[in-house]
Amino acid sequence: MINLLFVCSRNQLRSPTAEAMWGQRDGFDARSAGTSPHARRPIGPADIRWADVIFVMEDKHVHRLLAAFPRLLVYKQPHCLGIPDDYRFMDPELMALLDERVSTALAQAV
């Protein structure tokens, strides 16, 4: 089982969509969290430790994670998916982007 962590700002649209999609696939467990203290589920050290692969939606999320958890991220480089906050939860276009970009990143990581 590969543990995938998806991170966006407020954990309301993009990362929960990714969690819902990838958590249903064989061989994967998925969680989502947000970098904002006002996130539906703020990210914490336990999330970083749990994750085998960390995906963030934008570059700013990489910077926030590195600032908040520098020691925990020494051996876990977050992968930026480059997905702006322009979508609703389970938006078909968002789902297509997530499917393509996460699949590509996982294939390159193996």
PDB file of N, CA and C in Angstrom:
ATOM      1  N   MET A   1       0.843  -1.176   0.000  1.00  0.00           N
ATOM      2  CA  MET A   1       0.000   0.000   0.000  1.00  0.00           C
ATOM      3  C   MET A   1       0.892   1.245   0.000  1.00  0.00           C
ATOM      4  N   ILE A   2       0.622   2.157  -0.908  1.00  0.00           N
ATOM      5  CA  ILE A   2       1.360   3.416  -0.992  1.00  0.00           C
ATOM      6  C   ILE A   2       0.475   4.516  -0.416  1.00  0.00           C
ATOM      7  N   ASN A   3       1.005   5.250   0.561  1.00  0.00           N
ATOM      8  CA  ASN A   3       0.272   6.331   1.209  1.00  0.00           C
ATOM      9  C   ASN A   3       0.508   7.651   0.480  1.00  0.00           C
ATOM     10  N   LEU A   4      -0.577   8.224  -0.066  1.00  0.00           N
ATOM     11  CA  LEU A   4      -0.509   9.477  -0.813  1.00  0.00           C
ATOM     12  C   LEU A   4      -1.142  10.586   0.003  1.00  0.00           C
ATOM     13  N   LEU A   5      -0.405  11.681   0.172  1.00  0.00           N
ATOM     14  CA  LEU A   5      -0.915  12.857   0.875  1.00  0.00           C
ATOM     15  C   LEU A   5      -1.093  13.978  -0.137  1.00  0.00           C
ATOM     16  N   PHE A   6      -2.298  14.549  -0.186  1.00  0.00           N
ATOM     17  CA  PHE A   6      -2.617  15.651  -1.091  1.00  0.00           C
ATOM     18  C   PHE A   6      -2.832  16.915  -0.274  1.00  0.00           C
ATOM     19  N   VAL A   7      -2.170  18.004  -0.695  1.00  0.00           N
ATOM     20  CA  VAL A   7      -2.197  19.238   0.082  1.00  0.00           C
ATOM     21  C   VAL A   7      -2.587  20.418  -0.800  1.00  0.00           C
ATOM     22  N   CYS A   8      -3.531  21.216  -0.296  1.00  0.00           N
ATOM     23  CA  CYS A   8      -3.855  22.505  -0.908  1.00  0.00           C
ATOM     24  C   CYS A   8      -3.940  23.520   0.229  1.00  0.00           C
ATOM     25  N   SER A   9      -4.592  24.632   0.029  1.00  0.00           N
ATOM     26  CA  SER A   9      -4.615  25.672   1.050  1.00  0.00           C
ATOM     27  C   SER A   9      -5.621  25.388   2.167  1.00  0.00           C
ATOM     28  N   ARG A  10      -6.889  25.278   1.801  1.00  0.00           N
ATOM     29  CA  ARG A  10      -7.944  25.172   2.819  1.00  0.00           C
ATOM     30  C   ARG A  10      -8.557  23.777   2.923  1.00  0.00           C
ATOM     31  N   ASN A  11      -8.062  22.836   2.143  1.00  0.00           N
ATOM     32  CA  ASN A  11      -8.539  21.461   2.188  1.00  0.00           C
ATOM     33  C   ASN A  11     -10.057  21.390   2.008  1.00  0.00           C
ATOM     34  N   GLN A  12     -10.523  22.098   0.979  1.00  0.00           N
ATOM     35  CA  GLN A  12     -11.961  22.095   0.720  1.00  0.00           C
ATOM     36  C   GLN A  12     -12.322  21.572  -0.660  1.00  0.00           C
ATOM     37  N   LEU A  13     -11.461  21.791  -1.659  1.00  0.00           N
ATOM     38  CA  LEU A  13     -11.836  21.452  -3.028  1.00  0.00           C
ATOM     39  C   LEU A  13     -10.831  20.522  -3.706  1.00  0.00           C
ATOM     40  N   ARG A  14      -9.628  21.017  -3.941  1.00  0.00           N
ATOM     41  CA  ARG A  14      -8.667  20.247  -4.731  1.00  0.00           C
ATOM     42  C   ARG A  14      -8.148  19.010  -4.017  1.00  0.00           C
ATOM     43  N   SER A  15      -7.570  19.181  -2.832  1.00  0.00           N
ATOM     44  CA  SER A  15      -6.993  18.010  -2.161  1.00  0.00           C
ATOM     45  C   SER A  15      -8.057  16.989  -1.728  1.00  0.00           C
ATOM     46  N   PRO A  16      -9.257  17.400  -1.270  1.00  0.00           N
ATOM     47  CA  PRO A  16     -10.270  16.377  -0.981  1.00  0.00           C
ATOM     48  C   PRO A  16     -10.732  15.619  -2.233  1.00  0.00           C
ATOM     49  N   THR A  17     -10.734  16.291  -3.377  1.00  0.00           N
ATOM     50  CA  THR A  17     -11.066  15.606  -4.624  1.00  0.00           C
ATOM     51  C   THR A  17     -10.019  14.529  -4.921  1.00  0.00           C
ATOM     52  N   ALA A  18      -8.747  14.895  -4.785  1.00  0.00           N
ATOM     53  CA  ALA A  18      -7.674  13.924  -5.022  1.00  0.00           C
ATOM     54  C   ALA A  18      -7.745  12.767  -4.032  1.00  0.00           C
ATOM     55  N   GLU A  19      -8.029  13.079  -2.773  1.00  0.00           N
ATOM     56  CA  GLU A  19      -8.161  12.025  -1.760  1.00  0.00           C
ATOM     57  C   GLU A  19      -9.290  11.063  -2.126  1.00  0.00           C
ATOM     58  N   ALA A  20     -10.426  11.612  -2.540  1.00  0.00           N
ATOM     59  CA  ALA A  20     -11.567  10.769  -2.915  1.00  0.00           C
ATOM     60  C   ALA A  20     -11.236   9.885  -4.114  1.00  0.00           C
ATOM     61  N   MET A  21     -10.529  10.447  -5.089  1.00  0.00           N
ATOM     62  CA  MET A  21     -10.184   9.687  -6.293  1.00  0.00           C
ATOM     63  C   MET A  21      -9.178   8.575  -6.006  1.00  0.00           C
ATOM     64  N   TRP A  22      -8.068   8.938  -5.377  1.00  0.00           N
ATOM     65  CA  TRP A  22      -6.959   8.000  -5.218  1.00  0.00           C
ATOM     66  C   TRP A  22      -7.153   7.057  -4.048  1.00  0.00           C
ATOM     67  N   GLY A  23      -7.995   7.413  -3.100  1.00  0.00           N
ATOM     68  CA  GLY A  23      -8.268   6.526  -1.979  1.00  0.00           C
ATOM     69  C   GLY A  23      -9.080   5.306  -2.371  1.00  0.00           C
ATOM     70  N   GLN A  24      -9.711   5.349  -3.531  1.00  0.00           N
ATOM     71  CA  GLN A  24     -10.519   4.233  -4.019  1.00  0.00           C
ATOM     72  C   GLN A  24      -9.738   3.287  -4.922  1.00  0.00           C
ATOM     73  N   ARG A  25      -8.512   3.645  -5.252  1.00  0.00           N
ATOM     74  CA  ARG A  25      -7.731   2.827  -6.183  1.00  0.00           C
ATOM     75  C   ARG A  25      -6.945   1.762  -5.435  1.00  0.00           C
ATOM     76  N   ASP A  26      -6.870   0.597  -6.040  1.00  0.00           N
ATOM     77  CA  ASP A  26      -6.121  -0.505  -5.443  1.00  0.00           C
ATOM     78  C   ASP A  26      -4.660  -0.129  -5.258  1.00  0.00           C
ATOM     79  N   GLY A  27      -4.129  -0.479  -4.105  1.00  0.00           N
ATOM     80  CA  GLY A  27      -2.715  -0.245  -3.832  1.00  0.00           C
ATOM     81  C   GLY A  27      -2.399   1.113  -3.239  1.00  0.00           C
ATOM     82  N   PHE A  28      -3.419   1.946  -3.042  1.00  0.00           N
ATOM     83  CA  PHE A  28      -3.189   3.296  -2.526  1.00  0.00           C
ATOM     84  C   PHE A  28      -4.094   3.585  -1.337  1.00  0.00           C
ATOM     85  N   ASP A  29      -3.550   4.336  -0.400  1.00  0.00           N
ATOM     86  CA  ASP A  29      -4.348   4.941   0.660  1.00  0.00           C
ATOM     87  C   ASP A  29      -4.092   6.435   0.508  1.00  0.00           C
ATOM     88  N   ALA A  30      -5.109   7.244   0.725  1.00  0.00           N
ATOM     89  CA  ALA A  30      -4.968   8.684   0.485  1.00  0.00           C
ATOM     90  C   ALA A  30      -5.529   9.490   1.648  1.00  0.00           C
ATOM     91  N   ARG A  31      -4.877  10.613   1.893  1.00  0.00           N
ATOM     92  CA  ARG A  31      -5.324  11.618   2.855  1.00  0.00           C
ATOM     93  C   ARG A  31      -5.184  12.977   2.195  1.00  0.00           C
ATOM     94  N   SER A  32      -5.887  13.957   2.760  1.00  0.00           N
ATOM     95  CA  SER A  32      -5.708  15.324   2.297  1.00  0.00           C
ATOM     96  C   SER A  32      -5.650  16.256   3.497  1.00  0.00           C
ATOM     97  N   ALA A  33      -5.021  17.404   3.286  1.00  0.00           N
ATOM     98  CA  ALA A  33      -4.878  18.401   4.342  1.00  0.00           C
ATOM     99  C   ALA A  33      -4.623  19.752   3.692  1.00  0.00           C
ATOM    100  N   GLY A  34      -4.708  20.800   4.503  1.00  0.00           N
ATOM    101  CA  GLY A  34      -4.476  22.150   4.011  1.00  0.00           C
ATOM    102  C   GLY A  34      -3.364  22.850   4.776  1.00  0.00           C
ATOM    103  N   THR A  35      -2.727  23.797   4.123  1.00  0.00           N
ATOM    104  CA  THR A  35      -1.638  24.545   4.755  1.00  0.00           C
ATOM    105  C   THR A  35      -2.132  25.699   5.611  1.00  0.00           C
ATOM    106  N   SER A  36      -3.352  26.141   5.400  1.00  0.00           N
ATOM    107  CA  SER A  36      -3.910  27.251   6.174  1.00  0.00           C
ATOM    108  C   SER A  36      -4.324  26.784   7.564  1.00  0.00           C
ATOM    109  N   PRO A  37      -4.128  27.636   8.587  1.00  0.00           N
ATOM    110  CA  PRO A  37      -4.631  27.271   9.913  1.00  0.00           C
ATOM    111  C   PRO A  37      -6.160  27.183   9.937  1.00  0.00           C
ATOM    112  N   HIS A  38      -6.803  27.741   8.921  1.00  0.00           N
ATOM    113  CA  HIS A  38      -8.266  27.704   8.817  1.00  0.00           C
ATOM    114  C   HIS A  38      -8.748  26.579   7.898  1.00  0.00           C
ATOM    115  N   ALA A  39      -7.850  25.686   7.542  1.00  0.00           N
ATOM    116  CA  ALA A  39      -8.209  24.567   6.663  1.00  0.00           C
ATOM    117  C   ALA A  39      -9.209  23.655   7.353  1.00  0.00           C
ATOM    118  N   ARG A  40      -9.998  22.979   6.539  1.00  0.00           N
ATOM    119  CA  ARG A  40     -10.930  21.991   7.065  1.00  0.00           C
ATOM    120  C   ARG A  40     -10.167  20.951   7.889  1.00  0.00           C
ATOM    121  N   ARG A  41      -8.998  20.564   7.401  1.00  0.00           N
ATOM    122  CA  ARG A  41      -8.103  19.651   8.115  1.00  0.00           C
ATOM    123  C   ARG A  41      -6.674  20.162   7.938  1.00  0.00           C
ATOM    124  N   PRO A  42      -6.168  20.930   8.911  1.00  0.00           N
ATOM    125  CA  PRO A  42      -4.799  21.462   8.795  1.00  0.00           C
ATOM    126  C   PRO A  42      -3.758  20.337   8.822  1.00  0.00           C
ATOM    127  N   ILE A  43      -2.720  20.510   8.022  1.00  0.00           N
ATOM    128  CA  ILE A  43      -1.656  19.504   7.963  1.00  0.00           C
ATOM    129  C   ILE A  43      -0.839  19.525   9.250  1.00  0.00           C
ATOM    130  N   GLY A  44      -0.379  18.358   9.643  1.00  0.00           N
ATOM    131  CA  GLY A  44       0.450  18.238  10.834  1.00  0.00           C
ATOM    132  C   GLY A  44       1.593  17.270  10.617  1.00  0.00           C
ATOM    133  N   PRO A  45       2.500  17.178  11.584  1.00  0.00           N
ATOM    134  CA  PRO A  45       3.653  16.286  11.459  1.00  0.00           C
ATOM    135  C   PRO A  45       3.272  14.824  11.207  1.00  0.00           C
ATOM    136  N   ALA A  46       2.188  14.372  11.814  1.00  0.00           N
ATOM    137  CA  ALA A  46       1.777  12.972  11.617  1.00  0.00           C
ATOM    138  C   ALA A  46       1.428  12.691  10.159  1.00  0.00           C
ATOM    139  N   ASP A  47       0.872  13.677   9.455  1.00  0.00           N
ATOM    140  CA  ASP A  47       0.551  13.505   8.037  1.00  0.00           C
ATOM    141  C   ASP A  47       1.825  13.313   7.218  1.00  0.00           C
ATOM    142  N   ILE A  48       2.833  14.118   7.511  1.00  0.00           N
ATOM    143  CA  ILE A  48       4.106  14.030   6.783  1.00  0.00           C
ATOM    144  C   ILE A  48       4.749  12.664   7.039  1.00  0.00           C
ATOM    145  N   ARG A  49       4.771  12.241   8.293  1.00  0.00           N
ATOM    146  CA  ARG A  49       5.368  10.940   8.619  1.00  0.00           C
ATOM    147  C   ARG A  49       4.621   9.793   7.938  1.00  0.00           C
ATOM    148  N   TRP A  50       3.295   9.887   7.878  1.00  0.00           N
ATOM    149  CA  TRP A  50       2.458   8.831   7.295  1.00  0.00           C
ATOM    150  C   TRP A  50       2.682   8.686   5.786  1.00  0.00           C
ATOM    151  N   ALA A  51       2.902   9.791   5.098  1.00  0.00           N
ATOM    152  CA  ALA A  51       2.933   9.812   3.632  1.00  0.00           C
ATOM    153  C   ALA A  51       4.183   9.161   3.052  1.00  0.00           C
ATOM    154  N   ASP A  52       3.950   8.362   2.011  1.00  0.00           N
ATOM    155  CA  ASP A  52       5.054   7.876   1.187  1.00  0.00           C
ATOM    156  C   ASP A  52       5.356   8.885   0.088  1.00  0.00           C
ATOM    157  N   VAL A  53       4.300   9.502  -0.447  1.00  0.00           N
ATOM    158  CA  VAL A  53       4.435  10.510  -1.498  1.00  0.00           C
ATOM    159  C   VAL A  53       3.530  11.681  -1.129  1.00  0.00           C
ATOM    160  N   ILE A  54       4.074  12.901  -1.260  1.00  0.00           N
ATOM    161  CA  ILE A  54       3.324  14.112  -0.945  1.00  0.00           C
ATOM    162  C   ILE A  54       3.118  14.910  -2.219  1.00  0.00           C
ATOM    163  N   PHE A  55       1.859  15.227  -2.506  1.00  0.00           N
ATOM    164  CA  PHE A  55       1.502  16.052  -3.656  1.00  0.00           C
ATOM    165  C   PHE A  55       0.907  17.359  -3.163  1.00  0.00           C
ATOM    166  N   VAL A  56       1.396  18.464  -3.721  1.00  0.00           N
ATOM    167  CA  VAL A  56       0.822  19.777  -3.431  1.00  0.00           C
ATOM    168  C   VAL A  56       0.252  20.338  -4.725  1.00  0.00           C
ATOM    169  N   MET A  57      -0.691  21.242  -4.586  1.00  0.00           N
ATOM    170  CA  MET A  57      -1.355  21.780  -5.772  1.00  0.00           C
ATOM    171  C   MET A  57      -0.580  22.927  -6.413  1.00  0.00           C
ATOM    172  N   GLU A  58       0.109  23.758  -5.604  1.00  0.00           N
ATOM    173  CA  GLU A  58       0.826  24.916  -6.129  1.00  0.00           C
ATOM    174  C   GLU A  58       2.185  25.048  -5.449  1.00  0.00           C
ATOM    175  N   ASP A  59       3.083  25.813  -6.084  1.00  0.00           N
ATOM    176  CA  ASP A  59       4.421  26.036  -5.529  1.00  0.00           C
ATOM    177  C   ASP A  59       4.374  26.623  -4.126  1.00  0.00           C
ATOM    178  N   LYS A  60       3.405  27.511  -3.861  1.00  0.00           N
ATOM    179  CA  LYS A  60       3.337  28.132  -2.535  1.00  0.00           C
ATOM    180  C   LYS A  60       3.149  27.085  -1.437  1.00  0.00           C
ATOM    181  N   HIS A  61       2.510  25.964  -1.770  1.00  0.00           N
ATOM    182  CA  HIS A  61       2.314  24.906  -0.780  1.00  0.00           C
ATOM    183  C   HIS A  61       3.634  24.200  -0.469  1.00  0.00           C
ATOM    184  N   VAL A  62       4.486  24.039  -1.462  1.00  0.00           N
ATOM    185  CA  VAL A  62       5.819  23.468  -1.220  1.00  0.00           C
ATOM    186  C   VAL A  62       6.565  24.347  -0.232  1.00  0.00           C
ATOM    187  N   HIS A  63       6.564  25.654  -0.470  1.00  0.00           N
ATOM    188  CA  HIS A  63       7.287  26.586   0.400  1.00  0.00           C
ATOM    189  C   HIS A  63       6.737  26.575   1.823  1.00  0.00           C
ATOM    190  N   ARG A  64       5.417  26.509   1.951  1.00  0.00           N
ATOM    191  CA  ARG A  64       4.805  26.479   3.284  1.00  0.00           C
ATOM    192  C   ARG A  64       5.162  25.201   4.029  1.00  0.00           C
ATOM    193  N   LEU A  65       5.168  24.071   3.324  1.00  0.00           N
ATOM    194  CA  LEU A  65       5.533  22.814   3.972  1.00  0.00           C
ATOM    195  C   LEU A  65       6.996  22.811   4.395  1.00  0.00           C
ATOM    196  N   LEU A  66       7.869  23.286   3.520  1.00  0.00           N
ATOM    197  CA  LEU A  66       9.295  23.320   3.855  1.00  0.00           C
ATOM    198  C   LEU A  66       9.576  24.252   5.026  1.00  0.00           C
ATOM    199  N   ALA A  67       8.826  25.340   5.125  1.00  0.00           N
ATOM    200  CA  ALA A  67       8.995  26.269   6.246  1.00  0.00           C
ATOM    201  C   ALA A  67       8.482  25.664   7.559  1.00  0.00           C
ATOM    202  N   ALA A  68       7.392  24.932   7.474  1.00  0.00           N
ATOM    203  CA  ALA A  68       6.768  24.383   8.680  1.00  0.00           C
ATOM    204  C   ALA A  68       7.389  23.062   9.144  1.00  0.00           C
ATOM    205  N   PHE A  69       7.877  22.252   8.200  1.00  0.00           N
ATOM    206  CA  PHE A  69       8.350  20.903   8.524  1.00  0.00           C
ATOM    207  C   PHE A  69       9.694  20.590   7.873  1.00  0.00           C
ATOM    208  N   PRO A  70      10.706  21.441   8.051  1.00  0.00           N
ATOM    209  CA  PRO A  70      11.964  21.232   7.316  1.00  0.00           C
ATOM    210  C   PRO A  70      12.638  19.887   7.618  1.00  0.00           C
ATOM    211  N   ARG A  71      12.653  19.471   8.864  1.00  0.00           N
ATOM    212  CA  ARG A  71      13.340  18.222   9.215  1.00  0.00           C
ATOM    213  C   ARG A  71      12.580  16.996   8.717  1.00  0.00           C
ATOM    214  N   LEU A  72      11.256  17.057   8.738  1.00  0.00           N
ATOM    215  CA  LEU A  72      10.462  15.916   8.289  1.00  0.00           C
ATOM    216  C   LEU A  72      10.509  15.732   6.770  1.00  0.00           C
ATOM    217  N   LEU A  73      10.829  16.814   6.063  1.00  0.00           N
ATOM    218  CA  LEU A  73      10.835  16.750   4.598  1.00  0.00           C
ATOM    219  C   LEU A  73      12.218  16.537   3.991  1.00  0.00           C
ATOM    220  N   VAL A  74      13.194  16.233   4.823  1.00  0.00           N
ATOM    221  CA  VAL A  74      14.554  16.010   4.316  1.00  0.00           C
ATOM    222  C   VAL A  74      14.563  14.895   3.265  1.00  0.00           C
ATOM    223  N   TYR A  75      13.812  13.832   3.502  1.00  0.00           N
ATOM    224  CA  TYR A  75      13.812  12.687   2.583  1.00  0.00           C
ATOM    225  C   TYR A  75      12.507  12.539   1.809  1.00  0.00           C
ATOM    226  N   LYS A  76      11.644  13.543   1.900  1.00  0.00           N
ATOM    227  CA  LYS A  76      10.354  13.487   1.198  1.00  0.00           C
ATOM    228  C   LYS A  76      10.130  14.805   0.471  1.00  0.00           C
ATOM    229  N   GLN A  77      10.497  14.860  -0.771  1.00  0.00           N
ATOM    230  CA  GLN A  77      10.298  16.071  -1.568  1.00  0.00           C
ATOM    231  C   GLN A  77       8.867  16.129  -2.083  1.00  0.00           C
ATOM    232  N   PRO A  78       8.114  17.171  -1.710  1.00  0.00           N
ATOM    233  CA  PRO A  78       6.745  17.293  -2.238  1.00  0.00           C
ATOM    234  C   PRO A  78       6.750  17.480  -3.753  1.00  0.00           C
ATOM    235  N   HIS A  79       5.789  16.862  -4.415  1.00  0.00           N
ATOM    236  CA  HIS A  79       5.620  16.982  -5.861  1.00  0.00           C
ATOM    237  C   HIS A  79       4.535  18.019  -6.136  1.00  0.00           C
ATOM    238  N   CYS A  80       4.873  19.059  -6.894  1.00  0.00           N
ATOM    239  CA  CYS A  80       3.899  20.098  -7.227  1.00  0.00           C
ATOM    240  C   CYS A  80       3.137  19.708  -8.491  1.00  0.00           C
ATOM    241  N   LEU A  81       1.813  19.696  -8.381  1.00  0.00           N
ATOM    242  CA  LEU A  81       0.960  19.324  -9.510  1.00  0.00           C
ATOM    243  C   LEU A  81       0.598  20.510 -10.390  1.00  0.00           C
ATOM    244  N   GLY A  82       0.843  21.735  -9.935  1.00  0.00           N
ATOM    245  CA  GLY A  82       0.556  22.922 -10.742  1.00  0.00           C
ATOM    246  C   GLY A  82      -0.922  23.091 -11.060  1.00  0.00           C
ATOM    247  N   ILE A  83      -1.775  22.889 -10.070  1.00  0.00           N
ATOM    248  CA  ILE A  83      -3.220  23.007 -10.278  1.00  0.00           C
ATOM    249  C   ILE A  83      -3.738  24.202  -9.478  1.00  0.00           C
ATOM    250  N   PRO A  84      -4.169  25.259 -10.174  1.00  0.00           N
ATOM    251  CA  PRO A  84      -4.651  26.464  -9.480  1.00  0.00           C
ATOM    252  C   PRO A  84      -6.001  26.234  -8.801  1.00  0.00           C
ATOM    253  N   ASP A  85      -6.350  27.146  -7.929  1.00  0.00           N
ATOM    254  CA  ASP A  85      -7.602  27.060  -7.166  1.00  0.00           C
ATOM    255  C   ASP A  85      -8.762  27.602  -8.001  1.00  0.00           C
ATOM    256  N   ASP A  86      -9.048  26.913  -9.111  1.00  0.00           N
ATOM    257  CA  ASP A  86     -10.077  27.359 -10.062  1.00  0.00           C
ATOM    258  C   ASP A  86     -11.200  26.342 -10.228  1.00  0.00           C
ATOM    259  N   TYR A  87     -11.275  25.354  -9.343  1.00  0.00           N
ATOM    260  CA  TYR A  87     -12.205  24.244  -9.554  1.00  0.00           C
ATOM    261  C   TYR A  87     -13.076  24.001  -8.325  1.00  0.00           C
ATOM    262  N   ARG A  88     -14.197  23.366  -8.562  1.00  0.00           N
ATOM    263  CA  ARG A  88     -15.088  22.933  -7.483  1.00  0.00           C
ATOM    264  C   ARG A  88     -14.744  21.488  -7.114  1.00  0.00           C
ATOM    265  N   PHE A  89     -15.239  21.052  -5.971  1.00  0.00           N
ATOM    266  CA  PHE A  89     -15.044  19.677  -5.522  1.00  0.00           C
ATOM    267  C   PHE A  89     -15.599  18.705  -6.568  1.00  0.00           C
ATOM    268  N   MET A  90     -14.787  17.737  -6.941  1.00  0.00           N
ATOM    269  CA  MET A  90     -15.126  16.684  -7.913  1.00  0.00           C
ATOM    270  C   MET A  90     -15.462  17.229  -9.302  1.00  0.00           C
ATOM    271  N   ASP A  91     -14.946  18.386  -9.637  1.00  0.00           N
ATOM    272  CA  ASP A  91     -15.105  18.964 -10.973  1.00  0.00           C
ATOM    273  C   ASP A  91     -14.456  18.002 -11.980  1.00  0.00           C
ATOM    274  N   PRO A  92     -15.154  17.628 -13.045  1.00  0.00           N
ATOM    275  CA  PRO A  92     -14.585  16.671 -14.019  1.00  0.00           C
ATOM    276  C   PRO A  92     -13.242  17.119 -14.604  1.00  0.00           C
ATOM    277  N   GLU A  93     -13.084  18.415 -14.845  1.00  0.00           N
ATOM    278  CA  GLU A  93     -11.808  18.910 -15.374  1.00  0.00           C
ATOM    279  C   GLU A  93     -10.693  18.751 -14.333  1.00  0.00           C
ATOM    280  N   LEU A  94     -10.996  19.059 -13.078  1.00  0.00           N
ATOM    281  CA  LEU A  94     -10.033  18.869 -11.990  1.00  0.00           C
ATOM    282  C   LEU A  94      -9.667  17.392 -11.872  1.00  0.00           C
ATOM    283  N   MET A  95     -10.645  16.526 -11.944  1.00  0.00           N
ATOM    284  CA  MET A  95     -10.390  15.093 -11.835  1.00  0.00           C
ATOM    285  C   MET A  95      -9.493  14.598 -12.971  1.00  0.00           C
ATOM    286  N   ALA A  96      -9.700  15.102 -14.164  1.00  0.00           N
ATOM    287  CA  ALA A  96      -8.864  14.716 -15.300  1.00  0.00           C
ATOM    288  C   ALA A  96      -7.416  15.179 -15.088  1.00  0.00           C
ATOM    289  N   LEU A  97      -7.237  16.409 -14.606  1.00  0.00           N
ATOM    290  CA  LEU A  97      -5.890  16.927 -14.321  1.00  0.00           C
ATOM    291  C   LEU A  97      -5.205  16.088 -13.243  1.00  0.00           C
ATOM    292  N   LEU A  98      -5.938  15.799 -12.178  1.00  0.00           N
ATOM    293  CA  LEU A  98      -5.368  15.002 -11.090  1.00  0.00           C
ATOM    294  C   LEU A  98      -4.982  13.617 -11.570  1.00  0.00           C
ATOM    295  N   ASP A  99      -5.837  13.000 -12.341  1.00  0.00           N
ATOM    296  CA  ASP A  99      -5.548  11.664 -12.849  1.00  0.00           C
ATOM    297  C   ASP A  99      -4.267  11.669 -13.676  1.00  0.00           C
ATOM    298  N   GLU A 100      -4.173  12.607 -14.594  1.00  0.00           N
ATOM    299  CA  GLU A 100      -3.006  12.697 -15.476  1.00  0.00           C
ATOM    300  C   GLU A 100      -1.723  13.021 -14.710  1.00  0.00           C
ATOM    301  N   ARG A 101      -1.765  14.053 -13.901  1.00  0.00           N
ATOM    302  CA  ARG A 101      -0.538  14.534 -13.249  1.00  0.00           C
ATOM    303  C   ARG A 101      -0.055  13.626 -12.120  1.00  0.00           C
ATOM    304  N   VAL A 102      -0.973  13.078 -11.350  1.00  0.00           N
ATOM    305  CA  VAL A 102      -0.570  12.163 -10.286  1.00  0.00           C
ATOM    306  C   VAL A 102      -0.035  10.856 -10.897  1.00  0.00           C
ATOM    307  N   SER A 103      -0.717  10.356 -11.903  1.00  0.00           N
ATOM    308  CA  SER A 103      -0.256   9.118 -12.573  1.00  0.00           C
ATOM    309  C   SER A 103       1.136   9.304 -13.151  1.00  0.00           C
ATOM    310  N   THR A 104       1.369  10.430 -13.801  1.00  0.00           N
ATOM    311  CA  THR A 104       2.689  10.718 -14.384  1.00  0.00           C
ATOM    312  C   THR A 104       3.756  10.795 -13.306  1.00  0.00           C
ATOM    313  N   ALA A 105       3.476  11.508 -12.230  1.00  0.00           N
ATOM    314  CA  ALA A 105       4.456  11.646 -11.136  1.00  0.00           C
ATOM    315  C   ALA A 105       4.750  10.295 -10.486  1.00  0.00           C
ATOM    316  N   LEU A 106       3.725   9.484 -10.289  1.00  0.00           N
ATOM    317  CA  LEU A 106       3.944   8.164  -9.679  1.00  0.00           C
ATOM    318  C   LEU A 106       4.761   7.261 -10.611  1.00  0.00           C
ATOM    319  N   ALA A 107       4.510   7.336 -11.900  1.00  0.00           N
ATOM    320  CA  ALA A 107       5.267   6.517 -12.866  1.00  0.00           C
ATOM    321  C   ALA A 107       6.740   6.916 -12.877  1.00  0.00           C
ATOM    322  N   GLN A 108       7.007   8.212 -12.732  1.00  0.00           N
ATOM    323  CA  GLN A 108       8.400   8.680 -12.728  1.00  0.00           C
ATOM    324  C   GLN A 108       9.108   8.346 -11.426  1.00  0.00           C
ATOM    325  N   ALA A 109       8.330   8.219 -10.349  1.00  0.00           N
ATOM    326  CA  ALA A 109       8.920   7.939  -9.040  1.00  0.00           C
ATOM    327  C   ALA A 109       9.322   6.482  -8.877  1.00  0.00           C
ATOM    328  N   VAL A 110       8.729   5.616  -9.703  1.00  0.00           N
ATOM    329  CA  VAL A 110       9.000   4.171  -9.560  1.00  0.00           C
ATOM    330  C   VAL A 110      10.282   3.777 -10.246  1.00  0.00           C
TER     331      VAL A 110
END
